[in-house]
Amino acid sequence: MHTSTPQDETGLSLSIKSAAAAAAAEPLSAHIARYFADEVSDARCANPACQSLRTRPRHRTVAAAPEVLFVQLQRFESTYSATTRAFKTSKITRHVPVPETLDLSAHAADAARREIGTWRYRLGGVVAHAGTLRFGHYISYAVGPDGRVAKFDDDTVSASSVKEMLRPEGSFTPYILTYLACEQKKST
């Protein structure tokens, strides 16, 4: 059995490069599921007598859910061209459906915490990007205490909507999502 040391994290950095995602707009929940159960290629066995290299499953769990959860969508990727012998970096612009609510209960380390609704979050804000790796522009959206959505674009603040926050207009794509913990149910 191979284990690792627990780490305190307040966010998830999700790869959206999967082959399945290229064909269709995979929902955020599919990317989160892959994050919690992915594979490590060329992992070396920690046992000094073994030291073999092979692909191994890695299972992550949540020991304690943060009050504010940041989710970064890794929208930039580098690919190597054997023809030009160079790396090309590009932006992944495909749509990722973002839910207004998120539940991490299924990924709890403690079986008692896996009860549906134990670790629920609501979307509180989105940072979106338009452009490339070399240049671009960021805008953000935030949900106020009254439930209204505001859009921040440089020095301009305007009223917006949940619909636009979930799928910004133009070439903007969500890049960083901020989820706020809902009132948590007590586990028994």
N, C-alpha and C. Protein backbone atom coordinates (compact mmCIF):
# COMPACT_ATOMS: atom_id res chain seq x y z
N MET A 1 0.85 -1.18 0.00
CA MET A 1 0.00 0.00 0.00
C MET A 1 0.89 1.23 0.00
N HIS A 2 0.52 2.21 -0.78
CA HIS A 2 1.29 3.44 -0.88
C HIS A 2 0.42 4.59 -0.38
N THR A 3 0.94 5.36 0.53
CA THR A 3 0.20 6.49 1.07
C THR A 3 1.06 7.74 0.98
N SER A 4 0.45 8.85 1.23
CA SER A 4 1.19 10.10 1.26
C SER A 4 0.75 10.90 2.46
N THR A 5 1.49 11.92 2.75
CA THR A 5 1.20 12.77 3.89
C THR A 5 0.02 13.68 3.56
N PRO A 6 -0.94 13.81 4.48
CA PRO A 6 -2.06 14.72 4.23
C PRO A 6 -1.56 16.16 4.04
N GLN A 7 -2.25 16.89 3.19
CA GLN A 7 -1.91 18.28 2.94
C GLN A 7 -3.13 19.15 3.19
N ASP A 8 -2.90 20.32 3.78
CA ASP A 8 -3.97 21.28 3.96
C ASP A 8 -4.10 22.07 2.66
N GLU A 9 -5.26 22.02 2.07
CA GLU A 9 -5.50 22.74 0.84
C GLU A 9 -6.86 23.44 0.93
N THR A 10 -6.94 24.60 0.32
CA THR A 10 -8.21 25.31 0.29
C THR A 10 -8.76 25.38 -1.12
N GLY A 11 -8.17 24.57 -2.01
CA GLY A 11 -8.64 24.62 -3.38
C GLY A 11 -8.33 23.38 -4.17
N LEU A 12 -8.91 23.34 -5.34
CA LEU A 12 -8.70 22.25 -6.28
C LEU A 12 -8.19 22.86 -7.58
N SER A 13 -7.14 22.29 -8.14
CA SER A 13 -6.63 22.71 -9.43
C SER A 13 -6.93 21.58 -10.40
N LEU A 14 -7.92 21.79 -11.27
CA LEU A 14 -8.46 20.72 -12.08
C LEU A 14 -7.98 20.78 -13.53
N SER A 15 -7.45 19.66 -13.99
CA SER A 15 -7.09 19.55 -15.39
C SER A 15 -8.35 19.32 -16.20
N ILE A 16 -8.50 20.05 -17.29
CA ILE A 16 -9.67 19.85 -18.16
C ILE A 16 -9.23 19.34 -19.52
N LYS A 17 -8.11 18.61 -19.54
CA LYS A 17 -7.51 18.13 -20.79
C LYS A 17 -7.95 16.74 -21.20
N SER A 18 -8.85 16.11 -20.51
CA SER A 18 -9.19 14.71 -20.78
C SER A 18 -9.71 14.51 -22.20
N ALA A 19 -9.48 13.33 -22.73
CA ALA A 19 -9.95 12.99 -24.08
C ALA A 19 -11.47 13.02 -24.13
N ALA A 20 -12.12 12.58 -23.08
CA ALA A 20 -13.58 12.58 -23.05
C ALA A 20 -14.10 14.01 -23.08
N ALA A 21 -13.41 14.91 -22.41
CA ALA A 21 -13.85 16.31 -22.37
C ALA A 21 -13.71 16.99 -23.73
N ALA A 22 -12.80 16.51 -24.56
CA ALA A 22 -12.59 17.13 -25.86
C ALA A 22 -13.81 16.94 -26.77
N ALA A 23 -14.52 15.86 -26.59
CA ALA A 23 -15.66 15.56 -27.45
C ALA A 23 -16.92 16.32 -27.02
N ALA A 24 -17.09 16.53 -25.73
CA ALA A 24 -18.30 17.17 -25.23
C ALA A 24 -17.97 18.03 -24.03
N ALA A 25 -18.90 18.86 -23.66
CA ALA A 25 -18.72 19.73 -22.50
C ALA A 25 -18.94 18.91 -21.23
N GLU A 26 -17.86 18.41 -20.67
CA GLU A 26 -17.94 17.63 -19.44
C GLU A 26 -18.26 18.54 -18.28
N PRO A 27 -19.19 18.18 -17.41
CA PRO A 27 -19.52 19.03 -16.27
C PRO A 27 -18.38 19.08 -15.25
N LEU A 28 -18.38 20.11 -14.44
CA LEU A 28 -17.36 20.28 -13.42
C LEU A 28 -17.26 19.05 -12.52
N SER A 29 -18.39 18.42 -12.22
CA SER A 29 -18.39 17.24 -11.34
C SER A 29 -17.53 16.11 -11.90
N ALA A 30 -17.47 15.95 -13.23
CA ALA A 30 -16.63 14.91 -13.84
C ALA A 30 -15.15 15.22 -13.65
N HIS A 31 -14.79 16.49 -13.76
CA HIS A 31 -13.39 16.89 -13.55
C HIS A 31 -13.00 16.72 -12.08
N ILE A 32 -13.93 17.01 -11.18
CA ILE A 32 -13.66 16.83 -9.74
C ILE A 32 -13.50 15.35 -9.43
N ALA A 33 -14.35 14.50 -9.97
CA ALA A 33 -14.25 13.05 -9.73
C ALA A 33 -12.90 12.53 -10.21
N ARG A 34 -12.44 13.01 -11.37
CA ARG A 34 -11.14 12.59 -11.90
C ARG A 34 -10.00 13.08 -11.00
N TYR A 35 -10.15 14.27 -10.43
CA TYR A 35 -9.14 14.82 -9.52
C TYR A 35 -8.98 13.93 -8.29
N PHE A 36 -10.09 13.45 -7.76
CA PHE A 36 -10.04 12.64 -6.54
C PHE A 36 -9.63 11.19 -6.79
N ALA A 37 -9.69 10.73 -8.03
CA ALA A 37 -9.26 9.36 -8.35
C ALA A 37 -8.54 9.38 -9.69
N ASP A 38 -7.29 9.76 -9.67
CA ASP A 38 -6.54 9.79 -10.92
C ASP A 38 -5.39 8.80 -10.85
N GLU A 39 -4.54 8.82 -11.86
CA GLU A 39 -3.40 7.91 -11.90
C GLU A 39 -2.11 8.70 -11.97
N VAL A 40 -1.08 8.14 -11.37
CA VAL A 40 0.25 8.72 -11.42
C VAL A 40 1.09 7.80 -12.30
N SER A 41 1.59 8.32 -13.41
CA SER A 41 2.40 7.48 -14.28
C SER A 41 3.85 7.53 -13.81
N ASP A 42 4.54 6.46 -14.03
CA ASP A 42 5.95 6.33 -13.64
C ASP A 42 6.18 6.62 -12.16
N ALA A 43 5.26 6.17 -11.32
CA ALA A 43 5.42 6.33 -9.88
C ALA A 43 6.37 5.26 -9.37
N ARG A 44 7.34 5.66 -8.57
CA ARG A 44 8.30 4.72 -8.03
C ARG A 44 7.80 4.21 -6.69
N CYS A 45 7.88 2.91 -6.51
CA CYS A 45 7.48 2.27 -5.26
C CYS A 45 8.37 2.80 -4.12
N ALA A 46 7.76 3.14 -2.99
CA ALA A 46 8.51 3.68 -1.85
C ALA A 46 9.30 2.60 -1.10
N ASN A 47 8.98 1.34 -1.30
CA ASN A 47 9.67 0.25 -0.63
C ASN A 47 11.07 0.11 -1.25
N PRO A 48 12.15 0.25 -0.45
CA PRO A 48 13.52 0.15 -0.98
C PRO A 48 13.80 -1.19 -1.69
N ALA A 49 13.10 -2.23 -1.30
CA ALA A 49 13.31 -3.54 -1.93
C ALA A 49 12.63 -3.63 -3.29
N CYS A 50 11.67 -2.76 -3.55
CA CYS A 50 10.89 -2.84 -4.79
C CYS A 50 11.41 -1.84 -5.84
N GLN A 51 11.18 -0.56 -5.61
CA GLN A 51 11.62 0.53 -6.48
C GLN A 51 11.13 0.42 -7.93
N SER A 52 10.06 -0.30 -8.17
CA SER A 52 9.56 -0.44 -9.53
C SER A 52 8.86 0.85 -9.97
N LEU A 53 8.84 1.06 -11.29
CA LEU A 53 8.14 2.19 -11.88
C LEU A 53 6.92 1.66 -12.61
N ARG A 54 5.76 2.21 -12.31
CA ARG A 54 4.54 1.83 -13.03
C ARG A 54 3.45 2.85 -12.74
N THR A 55 2.37 2.74 -13.50
CA THR A 55 1.22 3.61 -13.28
C THR A 55 0.45 3.08 -12.08
N ARG A 56 0.14 4.00 -11.18
CA ARG A 56 -0.57 3.61 -9.96
C ARG A 56 -1.77 4.53 -9.74
N PRO A 57 -2.83 4.00 -9.18
CA PRO A 57 -3.97 4.87 -8.87
C PRO A 57 -3.63 5.75 -7.67
N ARG A 58 -4.17 6.95 -7.67
CA ARG A 58 -4.01 7.85 -6.53
C ARG A 58 -5.41 8.26 -6.11
N HIS A 59 -5.74 8.05 -4.87
CA HIS A 59 -7.06 8.40 -4.37
C HIS A 59 -6.90 9.50 -3.34
N ARG A 60 -7.50 10.62 -3.63
CA ARG A 60 -7.47 11.75 -2.69
C ARG A 60 -8.79 11.77 -1.93
N THR A 61 -8.76 12.27 -0.72
CA THR A 61 -9.97 12.45 0.07
C THR A 61 -9.90 13.78 0.79
N VAL A 62 -11.04 14.21 1.28
CA VAL A 62 -11.14 15.46 2.03
C VAL A 62 -11.28 15.12 3.51
N ALA A 63 -10.34 15.59 4.32
CA ALA A 63 -10.41 15.35 5.76
C ALA A 63 -11.23 16.45 6.44
N ALA A 64 -11.08 17.67 5.98
CA ALA A 64 -11.82 18.81 6.52
C ALA A 64 -12.07 19.78 5.38
N ALA A 65 -13.30 20.14 5.17
CA ALA A 65 -13.66 21.04 4.06
C ALA A 65 -13.47 22.49 4.49
N PRO A 66 -12.87 23.32 3.63
CA PRO A 66 -12.67 24.73 3.97
C PRO A 66 -13.97 25.53 3.88
N GLU A 67 -14.00 26.69 4.55
CA GLU A 67 -15.17 27.57 4.47
C GLU A 67 -15.30 28.17 3.07
N VAL A 68 -14.14 28.49 2.45
CA VAL A 68 -14.10 29.02 1.10
C VAL A 68 -13.27 28.06 0.26
N LEU A 69 -13.85 27.57 -0.82
CA LEU A 69 -13.19 26.61 -1.69
C LEU A 69 -12.90 27.27 -3.03
N PHE A 70 -11.63 27.28 -3.42
CA PHE A 70 -11.23 27.82 -4.72
C PHE A 70 -11.04 26.67 -5.69
N VAL A 71 -11.59 26.80 -6.89
CA VAL A 71 -11.46 25.79 -7.93
C VAL A 71 -10.84 26.47 -9.15
N GLN A 72 -9.64 26.02 -9.51
CA GLN A 72 -8.97 26.56 -10.69
C GLN A 72 -9.12 25.57 -11.83
N LEU A 73 -9.56 26.06 -12.97
CA LEU A 73 -9.64 25.23 -14.17
C LEU A 73 -8.36 25.46 -14.96
N GLN A 74 -7.56 24.43 -15.11
CA GLN A 74 -6.29 24.55 -15.84
C GLN A 74 -6.60 24.66 -17.33
N ARG A 75 -6.65 25.88 -17.82
CA ARG A 75 -7.07 26.15 -19.20
C ARG A 75 -5.91 26.30 -20.17
N PHE A 76 -4.68 26.14 -19.72
CA PHE A 76 -3.54 26.26 -20.62
C PHE A 76 -2.81 24.93 -20.68
N GLU A 77 -2.38 24.55 -21.88
CA GLU A 77 -1.66 23.29 -22.04
C GLU A 77 -0.53 23.48 -23.05
N SER A 78 0.52 22.70 -22.86
CA SER A 78 1.65 22.71 -23.79
C SER A 78 1.71 21.38 -24.52
N THR A 79 1.91 21.45 -25.82
CA THR A 79 2.07 20.24 -26.62
C THR A 79 3.37 20.35 -27.40
N TYR A 80 4.02 19.23 -27.56
CA TYR A 80 5.31 19.21 -28.25
C TYR A 80 5.10 18.77 -29.70
N SER A 81 5.71 19.50 -30.62
CA SER A 81 5.65 19.16 -32.04
C SER A 81 7.00 18.59 -32.45
N ALA A 82 7.01 17.34 -32.88
CA ALA A 82 8.26 16.71 -33.35
C ALA A 82 8.74 17.36 -34.64
N THR A 83 7.80 17.88 -35.41
CA THR A 83 8.16 18.53 -36.68
C THR A 83 8.96 19.81 -36.44
N THR A 84 8.45 20.66 -35.57
CA THR A 84 9.13 21.94 -35.30
C THR A 84 10.11 21.85 -34.13
N ARG A 85 10.04 20.72 -33.42
CA ARG A 85 10.87 20.52 -32.22
C ARG A 85 10.71 21.66 -31.22
N ALA A 86 9.46 22.00 -31.01
CA ALA A 86 9.15 23.09 -30.08
C ALA A 86 7.83 22.80 -29.37
N PHE A 87 7.68 23.43 -28.22
CA PHE A 87 6.43 23.33 -27.48
C PHE A 87 5.51 24.46 -27.91
N LYS A 88 4.25 24.16 -28.03
CA LYS A 88 3.25 25.18 -28.33
C LYS A 88 2.29 25.22 -27.15
N THR A 89 2.09 26.40 -26.61
CA THR A 89 1.16 26.57 -25.51
C THR A 89 -0.12 27.19 -26.04
N SER A 90 -1.24 26.60 -25.64
CA SER A 90 -2.52 27.11 -26.11
C SER A 90 -3.53 27.10 -24.97
N LYS A 91 -4.60 27.83 -25.18
CA LYS A 91 -5.66 27.90 -24.19
C LYS A 91 -6.76 26.91 -24.55
N ILE A 92 -7.27 26.22 -23.55
CA ILE A 92 -8.40 25.31 -23.73
C ILE A 92 -9.66 26.15 -23.52
N THR A 93 -10.40 26.37 -24.58
CA THR A 93 -11.56 27.27 -24.51
C THR A 93 -12.89 26.55 -24.37
N ARG A 94 -12.87 25.22 -24.40
CA ARG A 94 -14.13 24.47 -24.36
C ARG A 94 -14.90 24.80 -23.08
N HIS A 95 -16.20 24.78 -23.23
CA HIS A 95 -17.11 25.11 -22.12
C HIS A 95 -17.10 24.00 -21.07
N VAL A 96 -17.02 24.41 -19.81
CA VAL A 96 -17.16 23.49 -18.69
C VAL A 96 -18.39 23.96 -17.91
N PRO A 97 -19.48 23.19 -17.95
CA PRO A 97 -20.67 23.59 -17.19
C PRO A 97 -20.36 23.69 -15.70
N VAL A 98 -20.63 24.86 -15.14
CA VAL A 98 -20.32 25.16 -13.74
C VAL A 98 -21.62 25.13 -12.95
N PRO A 99 -21.72 24.32 -11.90
CA PRO A 99 -22.95 24.28 -11.11
C PRO A 99 -23.01 25.40 -10.08
N GLU A 100 -24.22 25.81 -9.74
CA GLU A 100 -24.39 26.82 -8.68
C GLU A 100 -24.08 26.23 -7.31
N THR A 101 -24.31 24.92 -7.16
CA THR A 101 -24.00 24.26 -5.89
C THR A 101 -23.07 23.08 -6.15
N LEU A 102 -22.29 22.77 -5.14
CA LEU A 102 -21.29 21.71 -5.24
C LEU A 102 -21.31 20.93 -3.93
N ASP A 103 -21.18 19.62 -4.01
CA ASP A 103 -21.17 18.78 -2.81
C ASP A 103 -19.93 17.90 -2.83
N LEU A 104 -19.05 18.07 -1.86
CA LEU A 104 -17.82 17.27 -1.76
C LEU A 104 -17.97 16.08 -0.82
N SER A 105 -19.17 15.83 -0.34
CA SER A 105 -19.40 14.76 0.63
C SER A 105 -18.91 13.40 0.16
N ALA A 106 -19.07 13.10 -1.11
CA ALA A 106 -18.68 11.79 -1.65
C ALA A 106 -17.17 11.57 -1.55
N HIS A 107 -16.42 12.63 -1.37
CA HIS A 107 -14.97 12.52 -1.33
C HIS A 107 -14.41 12.66 0.09
N ALA A 108 -15.27 12.56 1.09
CA ALA A 108 -14.85 12.68 2.48
C ALA A 108 -14.03 11.46 2.90
N ALA A 109 -12.98 11.71 3.68
CA ALA A 109 -12.15 10.62 4.19
C ALA A 109 -12.92 9.80 5.22
N ASP A 110 -13.74 10.46 6.01
CA ASP A 110 -14.52 9.83 7.07
C ASP A 110 -15.86 9.35 6.48
N ALA A 111 -16.13 8.05 6.58
CA ALA A 111 -17.35 7.48 6.00
C ALA A 111 -18.61 8.15 6.52
N ALA A 112 -18.61 8.58 7.78
CA ALA A 112 -19.79 9.24 8.35
C ALA A 112 -20.07 10.58 7.66
N ARG A 113 -19.05 11.21 7.12
CA ARG A 113 -19.19 12.50 6.44
C ARG A 113 -19.71 12.35 5.01
N ARG A 114 -19.77 11.15 4.49
CA ARG A 114 -20.20 10.95 3.11
C ARG A 114 -21.70 11.11 2.91
N GLU A 115 -22.41 11.37 4.00
CA GLU A 115 -23.85 11.61 3.91
C GLU A 115 -24.07 12.79 2.95
N ILE A 116 -25.00 12.63 2.04
CA ILE A 116 -25.27 13.69 1.05
C ILE A 116 -25.64 14.97 1.79
N GLY A 117 -24.99 16.05 1.40
CA GLY A 117 -25.29 17.35 1.98
C GLY A 117 -24.39 17.75 3.13
N THR A 118 -23.47 16.88 3.53
CA THR A 118 -22.60 17.22 4.65
C THR A 118 -21.67 18.38 4.30
N TRP A 119 -21.05 18.33 3.12
CA TRP A 119 -20.13 19.38 2.70
C TRP A 119 -20.62 19.98 1.39
N ARG A 120 -21.58 20.90 1.52
CA ARG A 120 -22.16 21.55 0.34
C ARG A 120 -21.64 22.98 0.23
N TYR A 121 -21.51 23.42 -1.01
CA TYR A 121 -21.03 24.77 -1.31
C TYR A 121 -21.95 25.44 -2.30
N ARG A 122 -21.97 26.77 -2.26
CA ARG A 122 -22.70 27.55 -3.27
C ARG A 122 -21.70 28.48 -3.95
N LEU A 123 -21.92 28.70 -5.24
CA LEU A 123 -21.02 29.54 -6.02
C LEU A 123 -21.11 30.98 -5.55
N GLY A 124 -19.97 31.56 -5.22
CA GLY A 124 -19.93 32.94 -4.73
C GLY A 124 -19.27 33.89 -5.71
N GLY A 125 -18.47 33.35 -6.63
CA GLY A 125 -17.79 34.22 -7.58
C GLY A 125 -17.07 33.45 -8.66
N VAL A 126 -16.80 34.14 -9.76
CA VAL A 126 -16.10 33.56 -10.91
C VAL A 126 -15.12 34.58 -11.45
N VAL A 127 -13.91 34.13 -11.75
CA VAL A 127 -12.96 34.94 -12.50
C VAL A 127 -12.89 34.31 -13.89
N ALA A 128 -13.09 35.13 -14.92
CA ALA A 128 -13.09 34.62 -16.29
C ALA A 128 -11.98 35.30 -17.09
N HIS A 129 -11.48 34.62 -18.10
CA HIS A 129 -10.37 35.10 -18.91
C HIS A 129 -10.73 35.06 -20.39
N ALA A 130 -10.27 36.06 -21.12
CA ALA A 130 -10.36 36.06 -22.58
C ALA A 130 -8.96 36.36 -23.10
N GLY A 131 -8.55 35.67 -24.12
CA GLY A 131 -7.23 35.90 -24.69
C GLY A 131 -6.40 34.65 -24.72
N THR A 132 -5.07 34.84 -24.76
CA THR A 132 -4.13 33.73 -24.86
C THR A 132 -3.20 33.75 -23.66
N LEU A 133 -2.20 32.89 -23.70
CA LEU A 133 -1.21 32.86 -22.64
C LEU A 133 -0.41 34.16 -22.60
N ARG A 134 -0.14 34.74 -23.74
CA ARG A 134 0.70 35.93 -23.82
C ARG A 134 -0.03 37.23 -23.50
N PHE A 135 -1.32 37.29 -23.79
CA PHE A 135 -2.09 38.49 -23.49
C PHE A 135 -3.53 38.11 -23.24
N GLY A 136 -4.25 39.00 -22.62
CA GLY A 136 -5.65 38.72 -22.36
C GLY A 136 -6.24 39.69 -21.38
N HIS A 137 -7.43 39.40 -20.96
CA HIS A 137 -8.16 40.28 -20.05
C HIS A 137 -8.97 39.41 -19.09
N TYR A 138 -9.03 39.84 -17.85
CA TYR A 138 -9.80 39.14 -16.83
C TYR A 138 -11.00 40.00 -16.42
N ILE A 139 -12.11 39.34 -16.16
CA ILE A 139 -13.26 39.97 -15.52
C ILE A 139 -13.68 39.06 -14.37
N SER A 140 -14.45 39.60 -13.46
CA SER A 140 -14.93 38.74 -12.38
C SER A 140 -16.38 39.04 -12.07
N TYR A 141 -17.00 38.06 -11.44
CA TYR A 141 -18.39 38.16 -11.00
C TYR A 141 -18.42 37.78 -9.53
N ALA A 142 -19.30 38.43 -8.78
CA ALA A 142 -19.46 38.08 -7.36
C ALA A 142 -20.93 38.17 -6.99
N VAL A 143 -21.35 37.24 -6.15
CA VAL A 143 -22.72 37.24 -5.64
C VAL A 143 -22.70 37.98 -4.31
N GLY A 144 -23.52 39.03 -4.20
CA GLY A 144 -23.58 39.80 -2.97
C GLY A 144 -24.44 39.13 -1.92
N PRO A 145 -24.43 39.67 -0.70
CA PRO A 145 -25.24 39.09 0.38
C PRO A 145 -26.74 39.06 0.06
N ASP A 146 -27.16 39.97 -0.82
CA ASP A 146 -28.57 40.04 -1.21
C ASP A 146 -28.91 39.08 -2.36
N GLY A 147 -27.90 38.33 -2.85
CA GLY A 147 -28.11 37.37 -3.92
C GLY A 147 -27.94 37.95 -5.32
N ARG A 148 -27.74 39.27 -5.42
CA ARG A 148 -27.54 39.88 -6.74
C ARG A 148 -26.10 39.68 -7.20
N VAL A 149 -25.94 39.56 -8.51
CA VAL A 149 -24.62 39.32 -9.10
C VAL A 149 -24.09 40.63 -9.68
N ALA A 150 -22.82 40.92 -9.38
CA ALA A 150 -22.14 42.09 -9.93
C ALA A 150 -21.01 41.61 -10.82
N LYS A 151 -20.78 42.37 -11.90
CA LYS A 151 -19.69 42.08 -12.83
C LYS A 151 -18.64 43.18 -12.68
N PHE A 152 -17.38 42.77 -12.52
CA PHE A 152 -16.28 43.70 -12.35
C PHE A 152 -15.38 43.60 -13.57
N ASP A 153 -15.24 44.72 -14.28
CA ASP A 153 -14.43 44.77 -15.50
C ASP A 153 -13.59 46.05 -15.41
N ASP A 154 -12.34 45.90 -15.02
CA ASP A 154 -11.45 47.03 -14.74
C ASP A 154 -12.12 47.95 -13.72
N ASP A 155 -12.38 49.21 -14.09
CA ASP A 155 -12.97 50.12 -13.12
C ASP A 155 -14.48 50.24 -13.26
N THR A 156 -15.09 49.32 -14.01
CA THR A 156 -16.53 49.34 -14.22
C THR A 156 -17.18 48.20 -13.44
N VAL A 157 -18.20 48.55 -12.66
CA VAL A 157 -18.99 47.56 -11.94
C VAL A 157 -20.41 47.68 -12.47
N SER A 158 -20.97 46.54 -12.89
CA SER A 158 -22.33 46.57 -13.43
C SER A 158 -23.13 45.38 -12.91
N ALA A 159 -24.44 45.50 -13.00
CA ALA A 159 -25.32 44.40 -12.60
C ALA A 159 -25.19 43.28 -13.63
N SER A 160 -25.26 42.05 -13.16
CA SER A 160 -25.17 40.90 -14.04
C SER A 160 -26.20 39.88 -13.60
N SER A 161 -25.99 38.63 -14.01
CA SER A 161 -26.94 37.58 -13.65
C SER A 161 -26.18 36.29 -13.36
N VAL A 162 -26.84 35.36 -12.70
CA VAL A 162 -26.25 34.05 -12.45
C VAL A 162 -25.97 33.36 -13.78
N LYS A 163 -26.89 33.51 -14.73
CA LYS A 163 -26.72 32.89 -16.05
C LYS A 163 -25.43 33.36 -16.70
N GLU A 164 -25.16 34.67 -16.68
CA GLU A 164 -23.93 35.18 -17.29
C GLU A 164 -22.70 34.76 -16.49
N MET A 165 -22.82 34.71 -15.17
CA MET A 165 -21.69 34.29 -14.33
C MET A 165 -21.31 32.84 -14.64
N LEU A 166 -22.29 31.99 -14.88
CA LEU A 166 -22.03 30.58 -15.18
C LEU A 166 -21.45 30.39 -16.57
N ARG A 167 -21.81 31.28 -17.49
CA ARG A 167 -21.30 31.20 -18.86
C ARG A 167 -21.14 32.62 -19.39
N PRO A 168 -19.98 33.23 -19.10
CA PRO A 168 -19.75 34.63 -19.49
C PRO A 168 -19.90 34.84 -20.99
N GLU A 169 -20.24 36.08 -21.33
CA GLU A 169 -20.45 36.44 -22.73
C GLU A 169 -19.12 36.56 -23.47
N GLY A 170 -19.19 36.51 -24.80
CA GLY A 170 -18.01 36.69 -25.63
C GLY A 170 -17.06 35.51 -25.51
N SER A 171 -15.78 35.80 -25.59
CA SER A 171 -14.77 34.74 -25.55
C SER A 171 -14.25 34.47 -24.14
N PHE A 172 -14.91 35.02 -23.14
CA PHE A 172 -14.49 34.78 -21.76
C PHE A 172 -14.85 33.36 -21.32
N THR A 173 -13.91 32.72 -20.63
CA THR A 173 -14.14 31.38 -20.10
C THR A 173 -13.84 31.37 -18.61
N PRO A 174 -14.68 30.75 -17.79
CA PRO A 174 -14.39 30.67 -16.36
C PRO A 174 -13.03 30.03 -16.11
N TYR A 175 -12.28 30.62 -15.20
CA TYR A 175 -10.92 30.19 -14.91
C TYR A 175 -10.75 29.85 -13.43
N ILE A 176 -11.28 30.70 -12.56
CA ILE A 176 -11.23 30.44 -11.12
C ILE A 176 -12.65 30.59 -10.57
N LEU A 177 -13.08 29.59 -9.81
CA LEU A 177 -14.40 29.58 -9.20
C LEU A 177 -14.23 29.67 -7.69
N THR A 178 -15.08 30.45 -7.05
CA THR A 178 -15.05 30.56 -5.60
C THR A 178 -16.37 30.03 -5.06
N TYR A 179 -16.28 28.99 -4.25
CA TYR A 179 -17.46 28.41 -3.63
C TYR A 179 -17.42 28.68 -2.13
N LEU A 180 -18.58 29.02 -1.56
CA LEU A 180 -18.71 29.31 -0.14
C LEU A 180 -19.48 28.19 0.53
N ALA A 181 -19.00 27.76 1.71
CA ALA A 181 -19.65 26.67 2.42
C ALA A 181 -21.08 27.06 2.82
N CYS A 182 -22.00 26.15 2.59
CA CYS A 182 -23.37 26.33 3.06
C CYS A 182 -23.40 25.88 4.51
N GLU A 183 -24.52 26.08 5.15
CA GLU A 183 -24.64 25.60 6.51
C GLU A 183 -24.47 24.09 6.48
N GLN A 184 -23.55 23.59 7.27
CA GLN A 184 -23.20 22.17 7.23
C GLN A 184 -24.11 21.35 8.14
N LYS A 185 -24.53 20.19 7.64
CA LYS A 185 -25.28 19.25 8.46
C LYS A 185 -24.33 18.60 9.46
N LYS A 186 -24.82 18.30 10.60
CA LYS A 186 -24.02 17.60 11.62
C LYS A 186 -24.00 16.12 11.30
N SER A 187 -22.79 15.51 11.36
CA SER A 187 -22.71 14.08 11.15
C SER A 187 -22.98 13.38 12.47
N THR A 188 -23.54 12.19 12.43
CA THR A 188 -23.87 11.49 13.67
C THR A 188 -22.82 10.48 14.02
